[in-house]
């Protein structure tokens, strides 16, 4: 049996660094934010989402330009998107994920950031989804396409896919796209007949 170095379980923290995107700074609690940027402090624990991935940054850019209202975060991971949304005036905010570690991280990160967030364990493809003014879904393209018809929202920001891909979104009108480092995020608005 090999020898395991002390501190191996926290070694990933060496790679989790803060990132500035738009008016936000997203980073871990062991780093300090710039006073000029709105700080979103995220410790992902075992959840997905440090805030540094291009899809997260693209979603934040689109979210910052959307009219404020209630928010639903589909597949919330660490809660970074819903926490940022509350900090810029969205609410009430709800978030869910199919992994308990993600729900726990989202709740802890909301408390860490002093925002109110209702987070729960759920399956976007099976469970009833609450209505909201705006939804964010930074998940895989097949999940985005499966969830879109199940949502009761006026606007949705989607990501989690490459620039060569775009969700098929029946019932929605495409309003905008952002691209970064080969990744894309889209804004859709519910079509009126």
N, C-alpha and C. Protein backbone atom coordinates (compact mmCIF):
# COMPACT_ATOMS: atom_id res chain seq x y z
N UNK A 1 0.84 -1.17 0.00
CA UNK A 1 0.00 0.00 0.00
C UNK A 1 0.89 1.24 0.00
N UNK A 2 0.50 2.24 -0.82
CA UNK A 2 1.29 3.46 -0.95
C UNK A 2 1.07 4.41 0.21
N UNK A 3 1.96 5.37 0.31
CA UNK A 3 1.86 6.39 1.34
C UNK A 3 1.04 7.56 0.80
N UNK A 4 0.09 8.02 1.57
CA UNK A 4 -0.75 9.15 1.19
C UNK A 4 -0.25 10.40 1.91
N UNK A 5 -0.01 11.45 1.14
CA UNK A 5 0.48 12.70 1.72
C UNK A 5 -0.57 13.34 2.61
N UNK A 6 -0.11 13.99 3.68
CA UNK A 6 -1.02 14.75 4.53
C UNK A 6 -1.64 15.89 3.72
N UNK A 7 -2.91 16.17 3.97
CA UNK A 7 -3.59 17.27 3.32
C UNK A 7 -4.11 16.97 1.92
N UNK A 8 -4.06 15.72 1.48
CA UNK A 8 -4.50 15.38 0.13
C UNK A 8 -5.95 15.76 -0.14
N UNK A 9 -6.82 15.67 0.89
CA UNK A 9 -8.25 15.90 0.71
C UNK A 9 -8.60 17.36 0.43
N UNK A 10 -7.68 18.26 0.70
CA UNK A 10 -7.93 19.69 0.45
C UNK A 10 -7.02 20.27 -0.63
N UNK A 11 -6.27 19.41 -1.31
CA UNK A 11 -5.32 19.88 -2.30
C UNK A 11 -6.00 20.64 -3.45
N UNK A 12 -7.26 20.29 -3.77
CA UNK A 12 -7.99 20.98 -4.84
C UNK A 12 -8.12 22.47 -4.58
N UNK A 13 -8.07 22.87 -3.32
CA UNK A 13 -8.21 24.29 -2.98
C UNK A 13 -7.09 25.15 -3.57
N UNK A 14 -5.96 24.54 -3.84
CA UNK A 14 -4.85 25.27 -4.44
C UNK A 14 -5.21 25.76 -5.84
N UNK A 15 -6.17 25.09 -6.48
CA UNK A 15 -6.53 25.41 -7.86
C UNK A 15 -7.80 26.25 -7.95
N UNK A 16 -8.51 26.40 -6.86
CA UNK A 16 -9.76 27.18 -6.84
C UNK A 16 -9.41 28.62 -6.51
N UNK A 17 -9.37 29.45 -7.55
CA UNK A 17 -9.01 30.86 -7.43
C UNK A 17 -10.18 31.74 -7.84
N UNK A 18 -10.22 32.94 -7.30
CA UNK A 18 -11.27 33.88 -7.65
C UNK A 18 -11.15 34.35 -9.09
N UNK A 19 -12.30 34.75 -9.65
CA UNK A 19 -12.33 35.23 -11.02
C UNK A 19 -13.27 36.44 -11.10
N UNK A 20 -12.88 37.43 -11.89
CA UNK A 20 -13.72 38.60 -12.13
C UNK A 20 -14.45 38.40 -13.45
N UNK A 21 -15.75 38.69 -13.44
CA UNK A 21 -16.55 38.62 -14.66
C UNK A 21 -17.62 39.69 -14.59
N UNK A 22 -17.59 40.60 -15.54
CA UNK A 22 -18.51 41.73 -15.49
C UNK A 22 -18.33 42.50 -14.20
N UNK A 23 -19.41 42.72 -13.47
CA UNK A 23 -19.30 43.45 -12.20
C UNK A 23 -19.15 42.52 -11.00
N UNK A 24 -18.95 41.23 -11.25
CA UNK A 24 -18.85 40.24 -10.19
C UNK A 24 -17.42 39.76 -9.96
N UNK A 25 -17.13 39.41 -8.72
CA UNK A 25 -15.95 38.62 -8.36
C UNK A 25 -16.51 37.37 -7.71
N UNK A 26 -16.12 36.21 -8.23
CA UNK A 26 -16.57 34.94 -7.67
C UNK A 26 -15.32 34.20 -7.20
N UNK A 27 -15.33 33.84 -5.92
CA UNK A 27 -14.14 33.17 -5.41
C UNK A 27 -14.39 32.47 -4.10
N UNK A 28 -13.37 31.77 -3.64
CA UNK A 28 -13.47 30.99 -2.41
C UNK A 28 -13.33 31.86 -1.17
N UNK A 29 -13.80 31.35 -0.03
CA UNK A 29 -13.72 32.12 1.21
C UNK A 29 -12.30 32.40 1.68
N UNK A 30 -11.33 31.69 1.17
CA UNK A 30 -9.95 31.91 1.60
C UNK A 30 -9.24 32.96 0.75
N UNK A 31 -9.95 33.63 -0.18
CA UNK A 31 -9.41 34.75 -0.95
C UNK A 31 -10.23 36.00 -0.66
N UNK A 32 -9.65 37.15 -0.96
CA UNK A 32 -10.36 38.42 -0.76
C UNK A 32 -10.77 39.00 -2.09
N UNK A 33 -11.96 39.59 -2.10
CA UNK A 33 -12.49 40.21 -3.31
C UNK A 33 -12.02 41.64 -3.42
N UNK A 34 -12.01 42.14 -4.63
CA UNK A 34 -11.74 43.55 -4.89
C UNK A 34 -12.93 44.36 -4.39
N UNK A 35 -12.69 45.53 -3.84
CA UNK A 35 -13.77 46.39 -3.34
C UNK A 35 -14.64 46.94 -4.47
N UNK A 36 -14.12 46.95 -5.70
CA UNK A 36 -14.86 47.51 -6.84
C UNK A 36 -15.89 46.54 -7.39
N UNK A 37 -15.78 45.26 -7.08
CA UNK A 37 -16.66 44.25 -7.66
C UNK A 37 -17.60 43.67 -6.61
N UNK A 38 -18.76 43.21 -7.05
CA UNK A 38 -19.74 42.56 -6.19
C UNK A 38 -19.25 41.14 -5.91
N UNK A 39 -18.96 40.84 -4.66
CA UNK A 39 -18.37 39.55 -4.29
C UNK A 39 -19.43 38.47 -4.12
N UNK A 40 -19.17 37.32 -4.75
CA UNK A 40 -19.96 36.11 -4.59
C UNK A 40 -18.97 35.07 -4.05
N UNK A 41 -19.09 34.75 -2.77
CA UNK A 41 -18.13 33.84 -2.12
C UNK A 41 -18.69 32.43 -2.20
N UNK A 42 -17.94 31.56 -2.86
CA UNK A 42 -18.40 30.19 -3.12
C UNK A 42 -17.36 29.17 -2.67
N UNK A 43 -17.81 28.28 -1.80
CA UNK A 43 -17.04 27.09 -1.46
C UNK A 43 -17.87 25.93 -1.99
N UNK A 44 -17.47 25.33 -3.12
CA UNK A 44 -18.32 24.31 -3.73
C UNK A 44 -18.40 23.01 -2.95
N UNK A 45 -17.47 22.79 -2.01
CA UNK A 45 -17.47 21.51 -1.32
C UNK A 45 -17.41 20.40 -2.35
N UNK A 46 -18.36 19.48 -2.32
CA UNK A 46 -18.40 18.39 -3.30
C UNK A 46 -19.35 18.68 -4.45
N UNK A 47 -19.87 19.91 -4.53
CA UNK A 47 -20.80 20.28 -5.59
C UNK A 47 -20.06 20.84 -6.79
N UNK A 48 -20.73 20.84 -7.93
CA UNK A 48 -20.18 21.42 -9.14
C UNK A 48 -20.37 22.92 -9.09
N UNK A 49 -19.34 23.68 -9.47
CA UNK A 49 -19.52 25.12 -9.63
C UNK A 49 -18.68 26.00 -8.74
N UNK A 50 -17.48 26.33 -9.20
CA UNK A 50 -16.65 27.28 -8.48
C UNK A 50 -16.92 28.71 -8.96
N UNK A 51 -17.57 28.83 -10.10
CA UNK A 51 -17.84 30.15 -10.67
C UNK A 51 -16.86 30.55 -11.74
N UNK A 52 -15.80 29.81 -11.92
CA UNK A 52 -14.78 30.21 -12.88
C UNK A 52 -15.01 29.65 -14.29
N UNK A 53 -15.90 28.68 -14.45
CA UNK A 53 -16.11 28.09 -15.77
C UNK A 53 -16.76 29.11 -16.71
N UNK A 54 -16.37 29.11 -17.98
CA UNK A 54 -16.95 30.07 -18.93
C UNK A 54 -18.48 30.05 -18.97
N UNK A 55 -19.11 28.89 -18.82
CA UNK A 55 -20.58 28.86 -18.88
C UNK A 55 -21.20 29.64 -17.73
N UNK A 56 -20.60 29.57 -16.56
CA UNK A 56 -21.10 30.33 -15.41
C UNK A 56 -20.95 31.83 -15.68
N UNK A 57 -19.80 32.22 -16.17
CA UNK A 57 -19.54 33.63 -16.44
C UNK A 57 -20.49 34.17 -17.52
N UNK A 58 -20.76 33.36 -18.54
CA UNK A 58 -21.69 33.77 -19.60
C UNK A 58 -23.11 33.92 -19.06
N UNK A 59 -23.53 32.99 -18.23
CA UNK A 59 -24.87 33.08 -17.61
C UNK A 59 -24.99 34.35 -16.78
N UNK A 60 -23.95 34.69 -16.04
CA UNK A 60 -23.98 35.91 -15.22
C UNK A 60 -24.10 37.15 -16.08
N UNK A 61 -23.39 37.19 -17.21
CA UNK A 61 -23.49 38.33 -18.12
C UNK A 61 -24.92 38.50 -18.61
N UNK A 62 -25.54 37.41 -19.04
CA UNK A 62 -26.91 37.48 -19.53
C UNK A 62 -27.88 37.82 -18.41
N UNK A 63 -27.69 37.22 -17.26
CA UNK A 63 -28.57 37.46 -16.11
C UNK A 63 -28.55 38.92 -15.69
N UNK A 64 -27.40 39.55 -15.75
CA UNK A 64 -27.26 40.94 -15.34
C UNK A 64 -28.06 41.88 -16.24
N UNK A 65 -28.37 41.45 -17.47
CA UNK A 65 -29.10 42.29 -18.40
C UNK A 65 -30.59 42.01 -18.46
N UNK A 66 -31.09 41.10 -17.63
CA UNK A 66 -32.49 40.68 -17.67
C UNK A 66 -33.28 41.43 -16.60
N UNK A 67 -34.54 41.74 -16.93
CA UNK A 67 -35.43 42.38 -15.96
C UNK A 67 -35.56 41.51 -14.72
N UNK A 68 -35.49 42.13 -13.55
CA UNK A 68 -35.51 41.40 -12.28
C UNK A 68 -36.90 40.84 -12.00
N UNK A 69 -36.92 39.74 -11.26
CA UNK A 69 -38.16 39.08 -10.88
C UNK A 69 -37.82 37.82 -10.11
N UNK A 70 -38.77 36.93 -9.97
CA UNK A 70 -38.50 35.66 -9.29
C UNK A 70 -37.58 34.81 -10.16
N UNK A 71 -36.81 33.92 -9.51
CA UNK A 71 -35.80 33.15 -10.22
C UNK A 71 -35.85 31.69 -9.82
N UNK A 72 -35.63 30.82 -10.81
CA UNK A 72 -35.51 29.38 -10.60
C UNK A 72 -34.17 28.94 -11.19
N UNK A 73 -33.33 28.33 -10.36
CA UNK A 73 -32.01 27.83 -10.78
C UNK A 73 -32.10 26.31 -10.94
N UNK A 74 -32.10 25.85 -12.18
CA UNK A 74 -32.24 24.44 -12.52
C UNK A 74 -30.87 23.77 -12.52
N UNK A 75 -30.65 22.80 -11.63
CA UNK A 75 -29.33 22.17 -11.53
C UNK A 75 -28.34 23.14 -10.92
N UNK A 76 -28.62 23.59 -9.70
CA UNK A 76 -27.93 24.74 -9.10
C UNK A 76 -26.48 24.51 -8.73
N UNK A 77 -26.04 23.25 -8.60
CA UNK A 77 -24.66 23.02 -8.16
C UNK A 77 -24.39 23.76 -6.87
N UNK A 78 -23.34 24.54 -6.83
CA UNK A 78 -22.94 25.27 -5.62
C UNK A 78 -23.84 26.46 -5.31
N UNK A 79 -24.75 26.81 -6.22
CA UNK A 79 -25.66 27.93 -6.00
C UNK A 79 -25.15 29.26 -6.51
N UNK A 80 -24.04 29.28 -7.22
CA UNK A 80 -23.42 30.54 -7.62
C UNK A 80 -24.36 31.43 -8.43
N UNK A 81 -25.12 30.87 -9.36
CA UNK A 81 -25.98 31.71 -10.20
C UNK A 81 -27.15 32.30 -9.42
N UNK A 82 -27.80 31.49 -8.61
CA UNK A 82 -28.94 32.02 -7.86
C UNK A 82 -28.49 33.00 -6.78
N UNK A 83 -27.35 32.78 -6.18
CA UNK A 83 -26.82 33.71 -5.18
C UNK A 83 -26.49 35.05 -5.83
N UNK A 84 -25.83 35.01 -6.98
CA UNK A 84 -25.52 36.25 -7.71
C UNK A 84 -26.81 36.96 -8.10
N UNK A 85 -27.82 36.20 -8.53
CA UNK A 85 -29.09 36.79 -8.94
C UNK A 85 -29.73 37.55 -7.78
N UNK A 86 -29.76 36.95 -6.60
CA UNK A 86 -30.34 37.62 -5.43
C UNK A 86 -29.56 38.89 -5.12
N UNK A 87 -28.25 38.83 -5.23
CA UNK A 87 -27.42 40.01 -4.92
C UNK A 87 -27.67 41.17 -5.87
N UNK A 88 -28.19 40.89 -7.08
CA UNK A 88 -28.44 41.99 -8.03
C UNK A 88 -29.93 42.29 -8.15
N UNK A 89 -30.73 41.75 -7.23
CA UNK A 89 -32.12 42.18 -7.17
C UNK A 89 -33.19 41.19 -7.56
N UNK A 90 -32.83 39.96 -7.90
CA UNK A 90 -33.84 38.95 -8.20
C UNK A 90 -34.41 38.40 -6.89
N UNK A 91 -35.65 37.96 -6.94
CA UNK A 91 -36.22 37.31 -5.79
C UNK A 91 -37.73 37.22 -5.90
N UNK A 92 -38.31 36.27 -5.22
CA UNK A 92 -37.61 35.24 -4.45
C UNK A 92 -36.86 34.29 -5.39
N UNK A 93 -35.84 33.64 -4.86
CA UNK A 93 -35.01 32.73 -5.65
C UNK A 93 -35.14 31.31 -5.11
N UNK A 94 -35.31 30.38 -6.04
CA UNK A 94 -35.38 28.96 -5.72
C UNK A 94 -34.32 28.24 -6.54
N UNK A 95 -33.76 27.19 -5.95
CA UNK A 95 -32.72 26.43 -6.63
C UNK A 95 -32.87 24.96 -6.27
N UNK A 96 -32.61 24.11 -7.25
CA UNK A 96 -32.65 22.69 -6.94
C UNK A 96 -31.61 21.94 -7.76
N UNK A 97 -31.29 20.75 -7.28
CA UNK A 97 -30.32 19.89 -7.93
C UNK A 97 -30.66 18.46 -7.56
N UNK A 98 -30.20 17.50 -8.35
CA UNK A 98 -30.46 16.09 -8.05
C UNK A 98 -29.44 15.50 -7.09
N UNK A 99 -28.40 16.26 -6.75
CA UNK A 99 -27.36 15.78 -5.84
C UNK A 99 -27.48 16.50 -4.49
N UNK A 100 -27.57 15.73 -3.42
CA UNK A 100 -27.70 16.31 -2.08
C UNK A 100 -26.50 17.20 -1.74
N UNK A 101 -25.31 16.82 -2.18
CA UNK A 101 -24.12 17.65 -1.91
C UNK A 101 -24.26 19.04 -2.52
N UNK A 102 -24.91 19.12 -3.68
CA UNK A 102 -25.13 20.43 -4.33
C UNK A 102 -26.13 21.26 -3.54
N UNK A 103 -27.22 20.65 -3.12
CA UNK A 103 -28.22 21.36 -2.33
C UNK A 103 -27.60 21.88 -1.04
N UNK A 104 -26.84 21.04 -0.37
CA UNK A 104 -26.16 21.46 0.87
C UNK A 104 -25.21 22.62 0.62
N UNK A 105 -24.42 22.52 -0.47
CA UNK A 105 -23.47 23.59 -0.79
C UNK A 105 -24.20 24.88 -1.12
N UNK A 106 -25.30 24.80 -1.87
CA UNK A 106 -26.06 26.00 -2.23
C UNK A 106 -26.61 26.69 -0.98
N UNK A 107 -27.14 25.91 -0.05
CA UNK A 107 -27.67 26.48 1.19
C UNK A 107 -26.55 27.14 2.00
N UNK A 108 -25.43 26.44 2.15
CA UNK A 108 -24.30 26.99 2.91
C UNK A 108 -23.75 28.25 2.24
N UNK A 109 -23.65 28.24 0.90
CA UNK A 109 -23.12 29.41 0.20
C UNK A 109 -24.09 30.59 0.27
N UNK A 110 -25.39 30.32 0.25
CA UNK A 110 -26.36 31.40 0.40
C UNK A 110 -26.19 32.06 1.77
N UNK A 111 -26.06 31.24 2.81
CA UNK A 111 -25.83 31.78 4.15
C UNK A 111 -24.53 32.57 4.20
N UNK A 112 -23.49 32.04 3.59
CA UNK A 112 -22.18 32.69 3.57
C UNK A 112 -22.26 34.07 2.91
N UNK A 113 -23.15 34.20 1.92
CA UNK A 113 -23.29 35.45 1.18
C UNK A 113 -24.41 36.34 1.71
N UNK A 114 -25.09 35.89 2.76
CA UNK A 114 -26.13 36.69 3.38
C UNK A 114 -27.36 36.89 2.50
N UNK A 115 -27.69 35.88 1.68
CA UNK A 115 -28.87 35.99 0.82
C UNK A 115 -29.86 34.88 1.15
N UNK A 116 -31.12 35.14 0.83
CA UNK A 116 -32.16 34.15 1.06
C UNK A 116 -32.37 33.33 -0.20
N UNK A 117 -32.30 32.03 -0.06
CA UNK A 117 -32.42 31.11 -1.19
C UNK A 117 -33.13 29.85 -0.71
N UNK A 118 -34.18 29.48 -1.40
CA UNK A 118 -34.86 28.22 -1.10
C UNK A 118 -34.24 27.15 -2.01
N UNK A 119 -33.55 26.18 -1.43
CA UNK A 119 -32.90 25.13 -2.21
C UNK A 119 -33.42 23.77 -1.77
N UNK A 120 -33.63 22.89 -2.74
CA UNK A 120 -34.14 21.56 -2.43
C UNK A 120 -33.62 20.52 -3.40
N UNK A 121 -33.76 19.27 -3.00
CA UNK A 121 -33.36 18.12 -3.79
C UNK A 121 -34.49 17.80 -4.76
N UNK A 122 -34.19 17.73 -6.04
CA UNK A 122 -35.22 17.45 -7.02
C UNK A 122 -34.66 17.03 -8.35
N UNK A 123 -35.52 16.47 -9.18
CA UNK A 123 -35.16 16.01 -10.52
C UNK A 123 -35.91 16.86 -11.53
N UNK A 124 -35.21 17.61 -12.34
CA UNK A 124 -35.82 18.52 -13.31
C UNK A 124 -36.65 17.80 -14.35
N UNK A 125 -36.40 16.52 -14.55
CA UNK A 125 -37.13 15.78 -15.57
C UNK A 125 -38.35 15.04 -15.03
N UNK A 126 -38.47 14.96 -13.70
CA UNK A 126 -39.57 14.21 -13.10
C UNK A 126 -40.45 15.03 -12.17
N UNK A 127 -39.85 15.90 -11.38
CA UNK A 127 -40.60 16.64 -10.35
C UNK A 127 -41.33 17.84 -10.94
N UNK A 128 -42.39 18.27 -10.25
CA UNK A 128 -43.09 19.48 -10.64
C UNK A 128 -42.17 20.67 -10.39
N UNK A 129 -42.10 21.56 -11.37
CA UNK A 129 -41.21 22.72 -11.28
C UNK A 129 -42.03 23.98 -11.02
N UNK A 130 -41.62 24.78 -10.04
CA UNK A 130 -42.38 26.00 -9.74
C UNK A 130 -42.25 27.04 -10.85
N UNK A 131 -43.27 27.85 -11.00
CA UNK A 131 -43.24 28.95 -11.97
C UNK A 131 -42.29 30.03 -11.46
N UNK A 132 -41.70 30.77 -12.39
CA UNK A 132 -40.81 31.88 -12.05
C UNK A 132 -40.79 32.85 -13.22
N UNK A 133 -40.34 34.05 -12.96
CA UNK A 133 -40.18 35.02 -14.04
C UNK A 133 -39.00 34.65 -14.93
N UNK A 134 -37.92 34.22 -14.28
CA UNK A 134 -36.68 33.89 -14.98
C UNK A 134 -36.15 32.56 -14.47
N UNK A 135 -35.62 31.76 -15.37
CA UNK A 135 -34.92 30.53 -14.98
C UNK A 135 -33.51 30.56 -15.56
N UNK A 136 -32.60 29.91 -14.87
CA UNK A 136 -31.26 29.68 -15.38
C UNK A 136 -31.03 28.17 -15.35
N UNK A 137 -30.43 27.66 -16.43
CA UNK A 137 -30.15 26.22 -16.51
C UNK A 137 -28.78 26.05 -17.15
N UNK A 138 -27.77 25.95 -16.33
CA UNK A 138 -26.40 25.73 -16.79
C UNK A 138 -26.11 24.25 -16.59
N UNK A 139 -26.64 23.46 -17.52
CA UNK A 139 -26.58 22.00 -17.45
C UNK A 139 -26.22 21.49 -18.85
N UNK A 140 -26.33 20.22 -19.11
CA UNK A 140 -26.00 19.71 -20.44
C UNK A 140 -27.09 20.07 -21.46
N UNK A 141 -26.73 20.09 -22.74
CA UNK A 141 -27.69 20.42 -23.79
C UNK A 141 -28.91 19.49 -23.78
N UNK A 142 -28.75 18.16 -23.68
CA UNK A 142 -29.95 17.31 -23.63
C UNK A 142 -30.86 17.64 -22.44
N UNK A 143 -30.28 17.99 -21.30
CA UNK A 143 -31.09 18.35 -20.14
C UNK A 143 -31.82 19.67 -20.38
N UNK A 144 -31.13 20.64 -20.96
CA UNK A 144 -31.77 21.92 -21.29
C UNK A 144 -32.99 21.67 -22.17
N UNK A 145 -32.81 20.89 -23.23
CA UNK A 145 -33.90 20.65 -24.17
C UNK A 145 -35.05 19.87 -23.53
N UNK A 146 -34.74 18.98 -22.60
CA UNK A 146 -35.79 18.22 -21.92
C UNK A 146 -36.54 19.06 -20.90
N UNK A 147 -35.86 20.02 -20.28
CA UNK A 147 -36.46 20.84 -19.23
C UNK A 147 -37.29 22.00 -19.80
N UNK A 148 -36.88 22.57 -20.90
CA UNK A 148 -37.57 23.75 -21.46
C UNK A 148 -39.08 23.59 -21.53
N UNK A 149 -39.62 22.50 -22.08
CA UNK A 149 -41.09 22.40 -22.15
C UNK A 149 -41.77 22.22 -20.79
N UNK A 150 -41.01 21.88 -19.76
CA UNK A 150 -41.57 21.65 -18.42
C UNK A 150 -41.62 22.94 -17.59
N UNK A 151 -41.01 24.00 -18.09
CA UNK A 151 -40.90 25.24 -17.31
C UNK A 151 -42.07 26.19 -17.57
N UNK A 152 -42.44 26.91 -16.54
CA UNK A 152 -43.40 28.00 -16.65
C UNK A 152 -42.65 29.27 -16.27
N UNK A 153 -41.98 29.84 -17.28
CA UNK A 153 -41.16 31.04 -17.07
C UNK A 153 -41.33 31.97 -18.27
N UNK A 154 -41.04 33.25 -18.04
CA UNK A 154 -41.08 34.23 -19.13
C UNK A 154 -39.76 34.26 -19.90
N UNK A 155 -38.66 34.05 -19.16
CA UNK A 155 -37.33 34.10 -19.77
C UNK A 155 -36.48 32.99 -19.16
N UNK A 156 -35.59 32.45 -20.00
CA UNK A 156 -34.66 31.44 -19.49
C UNK A 156 -33.29 31.66 -20.11
N UNK A 157 -32.29 31.53 -19.25
CA UNK A 157 -30.89 31.59 -19.68
C UNK A 157 -30.37 30.16 -19.61
N UNK A 158 -29.83 29.69 -20.74
CA UNK A 158 -29.32 28.31 -20.80
C UNK A 158 -27.85 28.30 -21.14
N UNK A 159 -27.15 27.29 -20.65
CA UNK A 159 -25.75 27.10 -20.99
C UNK A 159 -25.36 25.68 -20.61
N UNK A 160 -24.06 25.39 -20.78
CA UNK A 160 -23.55 24.06 -20.49
C UNK A 160 -23.20 23.32 -21.77
N UNK A 161 -23.06 24.06 -22.87
CA UNK A 161 -22.81 23.45 -24.17
C UNK A 161 -21.85 24.33 -24.98
N UNK A 162 -21.36 23.78 -26.06
CA UNK A 162 -20.36 24.44 -26.89
C UNK A 162 -20.99 25.45 -27.85
N UNK A 163 -20.16 26.34 -28.42
CA UNK A 163 -20.64 27.35 -29.36
C UNK A 163 -21.23 26.72 -30.62
N UNK A 164 -20.86 25.51 -30.94
CA UNK A 164 -21.39 24.82 -32.12
C UNK A 164 -22.78 24.24 -31.87
N UNK A 165 -23.28 24.37 -30.64
CA UNK A 165 -24.59 23.83 -30.27
C UNK A 165 -25.54 24.95 -29.87
N UNK A 166 -26.82 24.71 -30.08
CA UNK A 166 -27.85 25.65 -29.60
C UNK A 166 -29.10 24.84 -29.31
N UNK A 167 -29.72 25.07 -28.15
CA UNK A 167 -30.91 24.30 -27.81
C UNK A 167 -32.06 24.52 -28.79
N UNK A 168 -32.79 23.45 -29.05
CA UNK A 168 -34.07 23.56 -29.73
C UNK A 168 -35.05 23.96 -28.64
N UNK A 169 -35.77 25.07 -28.86
CA UNK A 169 -36.59 25.65 -27.79
C UNK A 169 -37.99 25.99 -28.30
N UNK A 170 -38.83 24.98 -28.56
CA UNK A 170 -40.19 25.27 -29.01
C UNK A 170 -40.95 26.10 -27.98
N UNK A 171 -41.66 27.10 -28.46
CA UNK A 171 -42.42 27.97 -27.56
C UNK A 171 -41.62 29.14 -27.03
N UNK A 172 -40.35 29.23 -27.40
CA UNK A 172 -39.48 30.32 -26.96
C UNK A 172 -38.87 31.02 -28.17
N UNK A 173 -38.62 32.30 -28.02
CA UNK A 173 -37.95 33.10 -29.03
C UNK A 173 -36.51 33.36 -28.57
N UNK A 174 -35.55 33.15 -29.45
CA UNK A 174 -34.14 33.38 -29.11
C UNK A 174 -33.87 34.88 -29.08
N UNK A 175 -33.34 35.36 -27.93
CA UNK A 175 -33.12 36.80 -27.75
C UNK A 175 -31.66 37.21 -27.72
N UNK A 176 -30.76 36.29 -27.45
CA UNK A 176 -29.36 36.69 -27.38
C UNK A 176 -28.46 35.53 -27.06
N UNK A 177 -27.19 35.72 -27.39
CA UNK A 177 -26.19 34.69 -27.16
C UNK A 177 -24.88 35.35 -26.77
N UNK A 178 -24.18 34.70 -25.87
CA UNK A 178 -22.82 35.09 -25.49
C UNK A 178 -21.93 33.87 -25.70
N UNK A 179 -20.67 34.13 -26.06
CA UNK A 179 -19.71 33.05 -26.27
C UNK A 179 -18.39 33.39 -25.60
N UNK A 180 -17.73 32.36 -25.05
CA UNK A 180 -16.45 32.54 -24.38
C UNK A 180 -15.70 31.22 -24.37
N UNK A 181 -14.48 31.25 -24.87
CA UNK A 181 -13.58 30.09 -24.82
C UNK A 181 -14.22 28.81 -25.36
N UNK A 182 -15.01 28.95 -26.43
CA UNK A 182 -15.63 27.79 -27.07
C UNK A 182 -16.96 27.37 -26.48
N UNK A 183 -17.42 28.04 -25.42
CA UNK A 183 -18.69 27.73 -24.76
C UNK A 183 -19.71 28.81 -25.11
N UNK A 184 -21.00 28.49 -24.94
CA UNK A 184 -22.06 29.44 -25.27
C UNK A 184 -23.13 29.46 -24.19
N UNK A 185 -23.85 30.58 -24.13
CA UNK A 185 -25.04 30.73 -23.28
C UNK A 185 -26.06 31.50 -24.10
N UNK A 186 -27.33 31.14 -23.93
CA UNK A 186 -28.41 31.76 -24.70
C UNK A 186 -29.50 32.29 -23.79
N UNK A 187 -30.17 33.33 -24.26
CA UNK A 187 -31.34 33.88 -23.60
C UNK A 187 -32.54 33.63 -24.49
N UNK A 188 -33.57 32.99 -23.91
CA UNK A 188 -34.82 32.73 -24.61
C UNK A 188 -35.96 33.44 -23.87
N UNK A 189 -36.93 33.93 -24.65
CA UNK A 189 -38.11 34.58 -24.11
C UNK A 189 -39.33 33.79 -24.57
N UNK A 190 -40.27 33.59 -23.65
CA UNK A 190 -41.49 32.84 -23.99
C UNK A 190 -42.18 33.53 -25.16
N UNK A 191 -42.48 32.77 -26.19
CA UNK A 191 -43.14 33.32 -27.37
C UNK A 191 -44.60 33.61 -27.06
N UNK A 192 -45.09 34.72 -27.57
CA UNK A 192 -46.52 35.05 -27.41
C UNK A 192 -47.20 34.78 -28.75
N UNK A 193 -48.35 34.22 -28.69
CA UNK A 193 -49.03 33.83 -29.94
C UNK A 193 -49.94 34.91 -30.43
